[in-house]
N, C-alpha and C. Protein backbone atom coordinates (compact mmCIF):
# COMPACT_ATOMS: atom_id res chain seq x y z
N MET A 1 0.80 -1.26 0.04
CA MET A 1 0.06 0.02 0.03
C MET A 1 0.78 1.31 -0.03
N ASN A 2 0.79 1.95 -0.97
CA ASN A 2 1.66 3.19 -1.26
C ASN A 2 0.82 4.48 -0.87
N LEU A 3 0.80 4.64 0.56
CA LEU A 3 0.00 5.77 1.18
C LEU A 3 0.49 7.13 0.73
N ARG A 4 1.76 7.29 0.79
CA ARG A 4 2.36 8.61 0.49
C ARG A 4 1.95 9.11 -0.88
N ASN A 5 2.25 8.25 -1.84
CA ASN A 5 1.75 8.58 -3.27
C ASN A 5 0.28 8.89 -3.35
N LEU A 6 -0.56 7.96 -2.63
CA LEU A 6 -1.93 8.15 -2.73
C LEU A 6 -2.42 9.50 -2.17
N SER A 7 -1.84 9.75 -1.14
CA SER A 7 -2.21 11.10 -0.41
C SER A 7 -1.86 12.27 -1.47
N ASP A 8 -0.60 12.29 -1.95
CA ASP A 8 -0.39 13.32 -2.97
C ASP A 8 -1.28 13.38 -3.97
N PHE A 9 -1.63 12.16 -4.64
CA PHE A 9 -2.46 12.15 -5.80
C PHE A 9 -3.78 12.65 -5.43
N ILE A 10 -4.46 12.22 -4.50
CA ILE A 10 -5.73 12.59 -4.09
C ILE A 10 -5.93 14.06 -3.62
N ILE A 11 -4.99 14.44 -2.95
CA ILE A 11 -5.07 15.96 -2.65
C ILE A 11 -4.80 16.86 -3.84
N GLU A 12 -3.88 16.45 -4.68
CA GLU A 12 -3.62 17.31 -5.85
C GLU A 12 -5.01 17.25 -6.69
N LYS A 13 -5.52 16.13 -6.84
CA LYS A 13 -6.71 15.84 -7.71
C LYS A 13 -7.91 16.80 -7.12
N MET A 14 -8.00 16.88 -5.72
CA MET A 14 -9.15 17.65 -5.33
C MET A 14 -8.74 19.19 -5.42
N LYS A 15 -7.66 19.57 -5.21
CA LYS A 15 -7.13 20.82 -5.31
C LYS A 15 -7.53 21.32 -6.78
N ARG A 16 -7.29 20.56 -7.73
CA ARG A 16 -7.36 20.76 -9.07
C ARG A 16 -8.88 20.78 -9.53
N GLU A 17 -9.55 19.90 -8.95
CA GLU A 17 -11.05 19.60 -9.67
C GLU A 17 -12.08 20.28 -8.82
N LEU A 18 -11.81 20.55 -7.44
CA LEU A 18 -12.95 21.04 -6.66
C LEU A 18 -13.33 22.47 -7.10
N PRO A 19 -14.54 22.79 -7.17
CA PRO A 19 -14.95 24.20 -7.49
C PRO A 19 -14.60 25.18 -6.13
N GLU A 20 -14.39 26.40 -6.41
CA GLU A 20 -14.02 27.37 -5.27
C GLU A 20 -15.11 27.45 -4.34
N THR A 21 -16.25 27.15 -4.73
CA THR A 21 -17.35 27.19 -3.82
C THR A 21 -17.39 26.24 -2.69
N VAL A 22 -16.61 25.11 -3.01
CA VAL A 22 -16.62 23.96 -1.89
C VAL A 22 -15.60 24.42 -0.79
N VAL A 23 -16.02 25.05 0.18
CA VAL A 23 -15.36 25.56 1.25
C VAL A 23 -15.38 24.80 2.54
N TYR A 24 -16.16 23.85 2.53
CA TYR A 24 -16.19 22.98 3.84
C TYR A 24 -15.58 21.53 3.41
N HIS A 25 -16.05 21.02 2.38
CA HIS A 25 -15.65 19.69 1.74
C HIS A 25 -14.39 19.78 1.00
N SER A 26 -13.34 20.51 1.61
CA SER A 26 -12.15 20.80 0.93
C SER A 26 -11.05 19.90 1.31
N THR A 27 -9.96 20.17 0.74
CA THR A 27 -8.83 19.43 1.12
C THR A 27 -8.39 19.51 2.55
N GLU A 28 -8.75 20.67 3.17
CA GLU A 28 -8.50 20.98 4.55
C GLU A 28 -9.44 19.97 5.39
N HIS A 29 -10.49 19.88 4.97
CA HIS A 29 -11.35 18.96 5.76
C HIS A 29 -10.98 17.42 5.48
N THR A 30 -10.44 17.19 4.20
CA THR A 30 -10.08 15.82 4.09
C THR A 30 -8.78 15.45 4.98
N LEU A 31 -7.83 16.51 5.05
CA LEU A 31 -6.71 16.25 5.91
C LEU A 31 -7.10 16.29 7.52
N ASP A 32 -7.99 17.10 7.83
CA ASP A 32 -8.52 17.12 9.14
C ASP A 32 -9.06 15.79 9.56
N VAL A 33 -9.93 15.06 8.72
CA VAL A 33 -10.42 13.86 8.87
C VAL A 33 -9.24 12.74 8.94
N TYR A 34 -8.40 12.86 8.08
CA TYR A 34 -7.17 11.85 8.06
C TYR A 34 -6.53 11.87 9.38
N GLU A 35 -6.20 13.16 9.94
CA GLU A 35 -5.58 13.20 11.19
C GLU A 35 -6.41 12.62 12.35
N ALA A 36 -7.62 13.05 12.30
CA ALA A 36 -8.46 12.51 13.31
C ALA A 36 -8.61 10.84 13.29
N ALA A 37 -8.71 10.40 12.09
CA ALA A 37 -8.69 8.96 11.92
C ALA A 37 -7.47 8.25 12.45
N LEU A 38 -6.39 8.88 12.21
CA LEU A 38 -5.00 8.30 12.77
C LEU A 38 -5.01 8.35 14.29
N ARG A 39 -5.39 9.42 14.67
CA ARG A 39 -5.58 9.58 16.32
C ARG A 39 -6.40 8.43 16.85
N LEU A 40 -7.62 8.32 16.26
CA LEU A 40 -8.56 7.32 16.76
C LEU A 40 -8.09 5.87 16.48
N ALA A 41 -7.34 5.75 15.46
CA ALA A 41 -6.83 4.36 15.16
C ALA A 41 -5.91 3.96 16.24
N LYS A 42 -4.98 4.95 16.66
CA LYS A 42 -4.11 4.60 17.69
C LYS A 42 -4.76 4.42 18.97
N LEU A 43 -5.78 5.13 19.41
CA LEU A 43 -6.48 5.04 20.64
C LEU A 43 -7.21 3.61 20.67
N GLU A 44 -7.75 3.16 19.37
CA GLU A 44 -8.56 1.99 19.42
C GLU A 44 -7.70 0.80 19.20
N GLY A 45 -6.45 0.91 19.07
CA GLY A 45 -5.47 -0.16 19.01
C GLY A 45 -5.61 -0.94 17.47
N LEU A 46 -5.82 -0.13 16.58
CA LEU A 46 -5.76 -0.88 15.22
C LEU A 46 -4.50 -1.25 14.83
N GLY A 47 -4.48 -2.38 14.03
CA GLY A 47 -3.25 -2.89 13.49
C GLY A 47 -2.83 -2.04 12.24
N GLU A 48 -1.68 -2.38 11.74
CA GLU A 48 -1.02 -1.69 10.67
C GLU A 48 -1.85 -1.72 9.37
N ASP A 49 -2.31 -2.95 9.01
CA ASP A 49 -3.01 -3.08 7.83
C ASP A 49 -4.34 -2.43 7.92
N ASP A 50 -5.08 -2.48 8.90
CA ASP A 50 -6.37 -1.79 9.07
C ASP A 50 -6.15 -0.19 9.22
N THR A 51 -5.10 0.26 9.84
CA THR A 51 -4.71 1.66 9.84
C THR A 51 -4.58 2.13 8.46
N ASN A 52 -3.79 1.38 7.59
CA ASN A 52 -3.46 1.76 6.20
C ASN A 52 -4.82 1.88 5.52
N ARG A 53 -5.71 0.88 5.66
CA ARG A 53 -7.01 0.93 4.95
C ARG A 53 -7.74 2.16 5.30
N LEU A 54 -7.83 2.41 6.69
CA LEU A 54 -8.42 3.65 7.30
C LEU A 54 -7.96 4.87 6.70
N ARG A 55 -6.52 4.95 6.65
CA ARG A 55 -5.85 6.19 6.05
C ARG A 55 -6.38 6.51 4.55
N ALA A 56 -6.52 5.30 3.67
CA ALA A 56 -6.86 5.44 2.41
C ALA A 56 -8.32 5.85 2.29
N ALA A 57 -9.18 5.38 3.19
CA ALA A 57 -10.59 5.66 3.14
C ALA A 57 -10.86 7.13 3.56
N ALA A 58 -10.03 7.64 4.66
CA ALA A 58 -10.01 8.93 4.91
C ALA A 58 -9.68 10.02 3.87
N LEU A 59 -8.70 9.56 3.25
CA LEU A 59 -8.28 10.46 2.01
C LEU A 59 -9.27 10.48 0.88
N LEU A 60 -9.97 9.32 0.61
CA LEU A 60 -10.86 9.21 -0.43
C LEU A 60 -12.39 9.61 -0.15
N HIS A 61 -12.75 9.71 1.04
CA HIS A 61 -14.18 9.69 1.48
C HIS A 61 -14.87 10.81 0.85
N ASP A 62 -14.48 11.90 0.47
CA ASP A 62 -15.04 13.12 -0.07
C ASP A 62 -14.55 13.35 -1.52
N SER A 63 -13.80 12.50 -2.12
CA SER A 63 -13.15 12.79 -3.26
C SER A 63 -14.24 12.76 -4.39
N GLY A 64 -15.25 12.11 -4.09
CA GLY A 64 -16.30 12.09 -5.23
C GLY A 64 -17.15 13.40 -5.38
N ILE A 65 -16.82 14.43 -4.56
CA ILE A 65 -17.29 15.82 -4.81
C ILE A 65 -16.78 16.43 -6.08
N THR A 66 -15.64 15.93 -6.47
CA THR A 66 -15.04 16.35 -7.74
C THR A 66 -15.95 16.06 -8.89
N VAL A 67 -16.79 14.93 -8.73
CA VAL A 67 -17.64 14.55 -9.61
C VAL A 67 -19.05 15.25 -9.58
N SER A 68 -19.61 15.13 -8.31
CA SER A 68 -20.83 15.69 -7.88
C SER A 68 -21.00 15.70 -6.53
N PHE A 69 -21.77 16.70 -6.12
CA PHE A 69 -22.04 16.85 -4.64
C PHE A 69 -23.01 15.92 -4.11
N ASP A 70 -24.06 15.63 -5.10
CA ASP A 70 -25.20 14.75 -4.77
C ASP A 70 -24.55 13.23 -4.74
N ASN A 71 -24.91 12.56 -3.72
CA ASN A 71 -24.40 11.10 -3.54
C ASN A 71 -22.80 10.97 -3.81
N HIS A 72 -22.16 12.00 -3.25
CA HIS A 72 -20.72 12.05 -3.58
C HIS A 72 -20.00 10.83 -2.95
N GLU A 73 -20.55 10.12 -1.93
CA GLU A 73 -19.98 9.01 -1.35
C GLU A 73 -19.96 7.94 -2.47
N ASP A 74 -20.99 7.69 -3.19
CA ASP A 74 -21.02 6.74 -4.29
C ASP A 74 -19.96 7.06 -5.33
N HIS A 75 -19.76 8.30 -5.66
CA HIS A 75 -18.65 8.69 -6.54
C HIS A 75 -17.37 8.45 -5.88
N SER A 76 -17.12 8.54 -4.63
CA SER A 76 -15.90 8.46 -4.14
C SER A 76 -15.58 6.95 -4.08
N VAL A 77 -16.58 6.13 -3.90
CA VAL A 77 -16.34 4.60 -4.04
C VAL A 77 -15.80 4.23 -5.42
N LYS A 78 -16.46 4.86 -6.47
CA LYS A 78 -16.01 4.57 -7.82
C LYS A 78 -14.56 5.08 -8.07
N ILE A 79 -14.08 6.24 -7.54
CA ILE A 79 -12.73 6.74 -7.60
C ILE A 79 -11.85 5.68 -6.92
N ALA A 80 -12.30 5.18 -5.74
CA ALA A 80 -11.59 4.17 -5.00
C ALA A 80 -11.23 2.84 -5.85
N GLU A 81 -12.37 2.44 -6.53
CA GLU A 81 -12.29 1.38 -7.33
C GLU A 81 -11.23 1.53 -8.55
N GLN A 82 -11.41 2.80 -9.04
CA GLN A 82 -10.60 3.06 -10.25
C GLN A 82 -9.00 3.24 -9.92
N TYR A 83 -8.72 3.81 -8.74
CA TYR A 83 -7.28 4.25 -8.61
C TYR A 83 -6.53 3.52 -7.57
N LEU A 84 -7.31 2.74 -6.44
CA LEU A 84 -6.53 2.12 -5.51
C LEU A 84 -5.64 0.89 -6.00
N PRO A 85 -6.10 0.09 -6.90
CA PRO A 85 -5.28 -0.99 -7.43
C PRO A 85 -3.82 -0.52 -7.71
N SER A 86 -3.73 0.72 -8.45
CA SER A 86 -2.39 1.14 -8.80
C SER A 86 -1.62 1.73 -7.78
N PHE A 87 -2.15 1.59 -6.41
CA PHE A 87 -1.40 2.00 -5.31
C PHE A 87 -1.15 0.89 -4.39
N GLY A 88 -1.32 -0.24 -4.88
CA GLY A 88 -0.91 -1.52 -4.27
C GLY A 88 -2.08 -2.07 -3.25
N PHE A 89 -3.24 -1.74 -3.45
CA PHE A 89 -4.48 -2.12 -2.67
C PHE A 89 -5.13 -3.29 -3.27
N SER A 90 -5.36 -4.48 -2.49
CA SER A 90 -5.97 -5.63 -3.03
C SER A 90 -7.42 -5.44 -3.22
N ILE A 91 -8.05 -6.41 -3.78
CA ILE A 91 -9.60 -6.44 -3.87
C ILE A 91 -10.21 -6.46 -2.37
N GLU A 92 -9.65 -7.17 -1.61
CA GLU A 92 -10.05 -7.14 -0.22
C GLU A 92 -9.96 -5.84 0.47
N ASP A 93 -8.77 -5.28 0.42
CA ASP A 93 -8.54 -3.89 0.90
C ASP A 93 -9.71 -2.90 0.36
N ILE A 94 -9.91 -2.86 -0.97
CA ILE A 94 -10.81 -2.01 -1.54
C ILE A 94 -12.17 -2.15 -1.08
N ALA A 95 -12.58 -3.38 -0.93
CA ALA A 95 -13.99 -3.78 -0.37
C ALA A 95 -14.12 -3.23 0.95
N ILE A 96 -13.15 -3.17 1.78
CA ILE A 96 -13.21 -2.69 3.19
C ILE A 96 -13.21 -1.19 3.07
N ILE A 97 -12.46 -0.58 2.22
CA ILE A 97 -12.40 0.95 2.25
C ILE A 97 -13.66 1.44 1.61
N LYS A 98 -14.32 0.75 0.61
CA LYS A 98 -15.61 1.12 0.11
C LYS A 98 -16.66 1.17 1.17
N GLY A 99 -16.64 0.09 1.99
CA GLY A 99 -17.64 0.10 3.25
C GLY A 99 -17.43 1.28 4.05
N MET A 100 -16.13 1.52 4.40
CA MET A 100 -15.87 2.76 5.38
C MET A 100 -16.43 4.01 4.67
N ILE A 101 -16.24 4.24 3.43
CA ILE A 101 -16.66 5.49 2.66
C ILE A 101 -18.34 5.50 2.70
N LEU A 102 -18.90 4.44 2.29
CA LEU A 102 -20.44 4.47 2.33
C LEU A 102 -20.87 4.63 3.72
N ALA A 103 -20.31 4.23 4.74
CA ALA A 103 -20.80 4.30 6.22
C ALA A 103 -20.93 5.82 6.50
N THR A 104 -20.14 6.68 5.89
CA THR A 104 -20.08 8.20 6.34
C THR A 104 -21.27 8.99 5.69
N LYS A 105 -22.04 8.32 4.74
CA LYS A 105 -23.24 8.83 4.26
C LYS A 105 -24.19 9.17 5.15
N LEU A 106 -24.67 10.45 5.22
CA LEU A 106 -25.64 10.67 6.36
C LEU A 106 -27.06 10.23 6.15
N PRO A 107 -27.82 9.60 7.03
CA PRO A 107 -27.53 9.34 8.40
C PRO A 107 -26.40 8.26 8.37
N GLN A 108 -25.28 8.38 9.17
CA GLN A 108 -24.19 7.44 9.18
C GLN A 108 -24.75 6.06 9.55
N ASN A 109 -24.07 5.12 9.03
CA ASN A 109 -24.52 3.66 9.14
C ASN A 109 -23.35 2.79 9.24
N ALA A 110 -22.59 2.77 10.29
CA ALA A 110 -21.45 1.92 10.42
C ALA A 110 -21.68 0.64 11.18
N SER A 111 -20.98 -0.35 10.78
CA SER A 111 -21.28 -1.73 11.35
C SER A 111 -19.96 -2.24 11.90
N THR A 112 -18.74 -2.02 11.23
CA THR A 112 -17.40 -2.56 11.71
C THR A 112 -16.83 -1.39 12.45
N LEU A 113 -15.72 -1.78 13.24
CA LEU A 113 -14.92 -0.87 13.97
C LEU A 113 -14.36 0.07 13.06
N LEU A 114 -13.69 -0.36 11.98
CA LEU A 114 -13.15 0.68 10.93
C LEU A 114 -14.29 1.72 10.44
N GLU A 115 -15.42 1.24 10.20
CA GLU A 115 -16.46 2.09 9.63
C GLU A 115 -16.71 3.19 10.76
N LYS A 116 -16.76 2.75 12.00
CA LYS A 116 -17.18 3.49 13.10
C LYS A 116 -16.13 4.62 13.36
N VAL A 117 -14.73 4.16 13.25
CA VAL A 117 -13.77 5.07 13.36
C VAL A 117 -13.67 6.22 12.24
N LEU A 118 -13.95 5.93 11.05
CA LEU A 118 -14.11 6.83 10.01
C LEU A 118 -15.18 7.77 10.13
N CYS A 119 -16.50 7.22 10.64
CA CYS A 119 -17.52 8.17 10.89
C CYS A 119 -17.21 9.14 12.01
N ASP A 120 -16.74 8.72 13.03
CA ASP A 120 -16.25 9.57 14.20
C ASP A 120 -15.15 10.51 13.78
N ALA A 121 -14.28 10.10 12.93
CA ALA A 121 -13.25 11.06 12.43
C ALA A 121 -13.85 12.26 11.61
N ASP A 122 -14.91 11.88 10.69
CA ASP A 122 -15.49 12.76 9.79
C ASP A 122 -16.16 13.76 10.56
N LEU A 123 -16.79 13.43 11.75
CA LEU A 123 -17.57 14.37 12.59
C LEU A 123 -16.82 14.78 13.93
N ASP A 124 -15.45 14.61 13.89
CA ASP A 124 -14.67 15.08 15.00
C ASP A 124 -14.95 16.34 15.40
N TYR A 125 -15.02 17.27 14.58
CA TYR A 125 -15.13 18.84 14.76
C TYR A 125 -16.44 19.12 15.61
N LEU A 126 -17.38 18.30 15.74
CA LEU A 126 -18.52 18.61 16.53
C LEU A 126 -18.19 18.80 18.02
N GLY A 127 -17.09 17.98 18.45
CA GLY A 127 -16.68 18.00 19.83
C GLY A 127 -15.36 18.75 20.01
N ARG A 128 -15.25 19.86 19.20
CA ARG A 128 -13.92 20.60 19.31
C ARG A 128 -14.31 22.21 19.45
N ALA A 129 -13.33 22.85 19.85
CA ALA A 129 -13.46 24.32 20.10
C ALA A 129 -13.64 25.10 18.83
N ASP A 130 -13.23 24.45 17.78
CA ASP A 130 -13.45 25.26 16.39
C ASP A 130 -14.67 24.80 15.71
N PHE A 131 -15.56 24.30 16.38
CA PHE A 131 -16.83 23.76 15.81
C PHE A 131 -17.48 24.86 14.97
N PHE A 132 -17.75 26.05 15.66
CA PHE A 132 -18.57 27.08 15.06
C PHE A 132 -17.88 27.72 13.72
N VAL A 133 -16.63 27.64 13.81
CA VAL A 133 -15.79 28.25 12.76
C VAL A 133 -16.09 27.33 11.47
N ILE A 134 -15.92 26.05 11.71
CA ILE A 134 -16.16 25.04 10.59
C ILE A 134 -17.48 24.93 10.37
N ALA A 135 -18.47 24.96 11.03
CA ALA A 135 -19.85 24.88 10.86
C ALA A 135 -20.26 26.06 9.93
N GLN A 136 -19.73 27.20 10.13
CA GLN A 136 -20.05 28.37 9.20
C GLN A 136 -19.54 28.20 7.85
N LYS A 137 -18.44 27.32 7.66
CA LYS A 137 -17.89 27.05 6.35
C LYS A 137 -19.03 26.19 5.65
N LEU A 138 -19.55 25.32 6.31
CA LEU A 138 -20.51 24.43 5.82
C LEU A 138 -21.86 25.17 5.36
N ARG A 139 -22.20 26.14 6.34
CA ARG A 139 -23.28 26.95 5.94
C ARG A 139 -23.00 27.72 4.62
N LEU A 140 -21.87 28.32 4.51
CA LEU A 140 -21.45 29.06 3.33
C LEU A 140 -21.48 28.30 2.06
N GLU A 141 -21.06 26.88 2.22
CA GLU A 141 -20.96 26.02 1.07
C GLU A 141 -22.42 25.71 0.50
N TRP A 142 -23.27 25.52 1.57
CA TRP A 142 -24.72 25.40 1.11
C TRP A 142 -25.18 26.68 0.53
N GLU A 143 -24.90 27.86 0.91
CA GLU A 143 -25.25 29.03 0.27
C GLU A 143 -24.79 29.13 -1.19
N TYR A 144 -23.45 28.78 -1.27
CA TYR A 144 -22.84 28.84 -2.66
C TYR A 144 -23.62 27.77 -3.64
N ALA A 145 -24.07 26.80 -2.96
CA ALA A 145 -24.85 25.78 -3.75
C ALA A 145 -26.31 26.17 -4.14
N GLY A 146 -26.87 27.36 -3.54
CA GLY A 146 -28.08 27.69 -3.83
C GLY A 146 -29.14 27.44 -2.89
N ASN A 147 -28.56 26.93 -1.47
CA ASN A 147 -29.35 26.53 -0.49
C ASN A 147 -29.24 27.62 0.57
N LYS A 148 -29.62 28.93 0.33
CA LYS A 148 -29.53 29.88 1.39
C LYS A 148 -30.46 29.60 2.50
N ILE A 149 -29.88 29.86 3.62
CA ILE A 149 -30.41 29.48 4.99
C ILE A 149 -30.12 30.59 5.94
N ASP A 150 -31.21 31.03 6.60
CA ASP A 150 -30.75 32.22 7.61
C ASP A 150 -30.35 31.54 8.91
N LEU A 151 -29.66 32.37 9.67
CA LEU A 151 -29.02 31.94 10.94
C LEU A 151 -29.90 31.28 11.88
N ASN A 152 -31.13 31.73 12.06
CA ASN A 152 -31.98 31.06 12.90
C ASN A 152 -32.33 29.81 12.40
N GLU A 153 -32.56 29.45 11.37
CA GLU A 153 -33.04 28.12 10.72
C GLU A 153 -31.72 27.31 10.89
N TRP A 154 -30.55 27.85 10.54
CA TRP A 154 -29.34 27.05 10.54
C TRP A 154 -29.06 26.42 11.85
N TYR A 155 -29.14 27.32 12.89
CA TYR A 155 -28.80 26.73 14.30
C TYR A 155 -29.99 25.79 14.89
N PHE A 156 -31.12 26.00 14.32
CA PHE A 156 -32.14 24.78 14.65
C PHE A 156 -31.85 23.52 14.04
N LEU A 157 -31.35 23.58 12.76
CA LEU A 157 -30.93 22.40 12.04
C LEU A 157 -29.66 21.74 12.86
N GLN A 158 -28.73 22.62 13.24
CA GLN A 158 -27.61 22.07 13.95
C GLN A 158 -28.00 21.46 15.25
N LEU A 159 -28.94 22.04 16.01
CA LEU A 159 -29.53 21.56 17.16
C LEU A 159 -30.10 20.20 17.01
N ASN A 160 -30.82 19.98 16.04
CA ASN A 160 -31.41 18.64 15.74
C ASN A 160 -30.40 17.63 15.31
N PHE A 161 -29.35 18.18 14.48
CA PHE A 161 -28.21 17.17 14.11
C PHE A 161 -27.58 16.63 15.42
N PHE A 162 -27.09 17.53 16.28
CA PHE A 162 -26.48 17.28 17.48
C PHE A 162 -27.09 16.26 18.41
N LYS A 163 -28.49 16.48 18.37
CA LYS A 163 -29.40 15.55 19.31
C LYS A 163 -29.50 14.30 18.72
N ASN A 164 -29.27 14.09 17.43
CA ASN A 164 -29.48 12.76 16.78
C ASN A 164 -28.04 12.14 16.55
N HIS A 165 -27.07 12.75 16.87
CA HIS A 165 -25.66 12.25 16.63
C HIS A 165 -25.12 11.69 18.03
N ALA A 166 -24.43 10.58 17.87
CA ALA A 166 -23.65 10.06 19.06
C ALA A 166 -22.25 9.53 18.45
N TYR A 167 -21.23 9.62 19.08
CA TYR A 167 -19.97 9.17 18.62
C TYR A 167 -20.04 7.60 18.92
N GLN A 168 -19.40 6.80 17.91
CA GLN A 168 -19.63 5.43 17.86
C GLN A 168 -18.42 4.63 18.47
N THR A 169 -17.44 5.26 18.60
CA THR A 169 -16.20 4.58 19.41
C THR A 169 -16.02 5.08 20.61
N ARG A 170 -15.53 4.25 21.60
CA ARG A 170 -15.10 4.73 22.95
C ARG A 170 -14.26 5.81 22.88
N SER A 171 -13.24 5.72 22.12
CA SER A 171 -12.17 6.69 21.99
C SER A 171 -12.66 8.10 21.71
N ALA A 172 -13.59 8.17 20.68
CA ALA A 172 -14.10 9.41 20.28
C ALA A 172 -15.02 10.06 21.19
N PHE A 173 -15.74 9.12 21.85
CA PHE A 173 -16.64 9.71 23.06
C PHE A 173 -15.95 10.19 24.16
N GLN A 174 -14.86 9.50 24.61
CA GLN A 174 -13.73 10.10 25.59
C GLN A 174 -13.23 11.29 25.24
N LEU A 175 -12.82 11.48 23.96
CA LEU A 175 -11.97 12.55 23.54
C LEU A 175 -12.92 13.75 23.21
N ARG A 176 -14.00 13.60 22.72
CA ARG A 176 -14.89 14.62 22.13
C ARG A 176 -16.24 14.99 22.88
N ASN A 177 -16.76 14.07 23.56
CA ASN A 177 -18.05 14.23 23.84
C ASN A 177 -18.31 15.38 24.93
N GLU A 178 -17.36 15.64 25.77
CA GLU A 178 -17.69 16.59 26.78
C GLU A 178 -17.72 18.01 26.19
N ARG A 179 -16.83 18.19 25.08
CA ARG A 179 -16.84 19.55 24.34
C ARG A 179 -18.00 19.63 23.47
N LYS A 180 -18.43 18.39 22.91
CA LYS A 180 -19.71 18.30 22.10
C LYS A 180 -20.79 18.79 22.86
N ILE A 181 -20.96 18.27 24.16
CA ILE A 181 -22.14 18.81 24.99
C ILE A 181 -22.03 20.29 25.33
N GLN A 182 -20.88 20.88 25.42
CA GLN A 182 -20.70 22.32 25.58
C GLN A 182 -21.09 23.17 24.25
N ASN A 183 -20.77 22.54 23.26
CA ASN A 183 -21.15 23.19 21.87
C ASN A 183 -22.73 23.08 21.73
N LEU A 184 -23.25 22.00 22.10
CA LEU A 184 -24.77 21.81 22.06
C LEU A 184 -25.38 22.79 22.94
N GLN A 185 -24.87 23.11 24.09
CA GLN A 185 -25.58 24.07 24.92
C GLN A 185 -25.44 25.35 24.45
N GLU A 186 -24.39 25.71 23.87
CA GLU A 186 -24.28 27.03 23.15
C GLU A 186 -25.27 27.24 21.98
N ILE A 187 -25.44 26.04 21.23
CA ILE A 187 -26.42 26.17 20.29
C ILE A 187 -27.83 26.42 20.80
N GLU A 188 -28.12 25.78 21.84
CA GLU A 188 -29.35 25.80 22.55
C GLU A 188 -29.60 27.16 23.03
N ASN A 189 -28.64 27.82 23.50
CA ASN A 189 -28.60 29.27 23.97
C ASN A 189 -28.91 30.14 22.89
N LEU A 190 -28.25 29.96 21.70
CA LEU A 190 -28.53 30.86 20.61
C LEU A 190 -29.95 30.60 20.13
N CYS A 191 -30.50 29.44 20.00
CA CYS A 191 -31.79 29.23 19.67
C CYS A 191 -32.83 29.82 20.50
N THR A 192 -32.46 29.77 21.78
CA THR A 192 -33.49 30.30 22.75
C THR A 192 -33.52 31.81 22.62
N LYS A 193 -32.39 32.47 22.31
CA LYS A 193 -32.37 33.89 22.01
C LYS A 193 -32.92 34.34 20.66
N GLY A 194 -33.33 33.28 19.91
CA GLY A 194 -33.93 33.62 18.44
C GLY A 194 -32.77 33.45 17.43
N CYS A 195 -31.68 32.94 17.90
CA CYS A 195 -30.51 32.95 16.97
C CYS A 195 -30.20 34.20 16.27
N THR A 196 -30.34 35.32 16.96
CA THR A 196 -30.10 36.59 16.43
C THR A 196 -28.65 37.01 16.53
N GLN A 197 -28.00 36.20 17.41
CA GLN A 197 -26.56 36.68 17.76
C GLN A 197 -25.66 35.90 16.72
N LYS A 198 -24.80 36.53 16.16
CA LYS A 198 -23.83 35.87 15.09
C LYS A 198 -22.61 35.34 15.84
N VAL A 199 -22.09 34.27 15.37
CA VAL A 199 -20.90 33.61 16.08
C VAL A 199 -19.81 33.83 14.94
């Protein structure tokens, strides 16, 4: 598995092909998920082969947005099928990686530990201090795509999303859930005030 060359290839492909309006599902997000996945892999005690599969899935999980934002996970899977063999990944590896990518489709549907780790890495920011900055990038990306949403409605959507989300691995829960609760409380406060206060 040639992860270094795969990383260079995917990041350059995304930089070259992603529209400028993609400000959340960007290479920055991909690398953020990649680092979160590595952190969780270590905490969950994953072996080298599984960690390498996870690394590939993290790099590829949003690559399909270069084709279409709609059902981009399905396009990401096709990109994985197309390119991973040339980077030394076996048929078995690719099947596992595809499962991880598809598990990140909302609402997340993970069954294996690897799938749960990638799902938690993808939403790692929910339990971080930079949540509100990153969330505003997502809101802006929605607006660029023609889905303009006022701040009041946005925070009520975030509130519902938080209440329906739970970290799936013990490590992510221990690492991020306390801050996630604080972020949820801040969203609740904003909604109570009518979400008129900008963050």
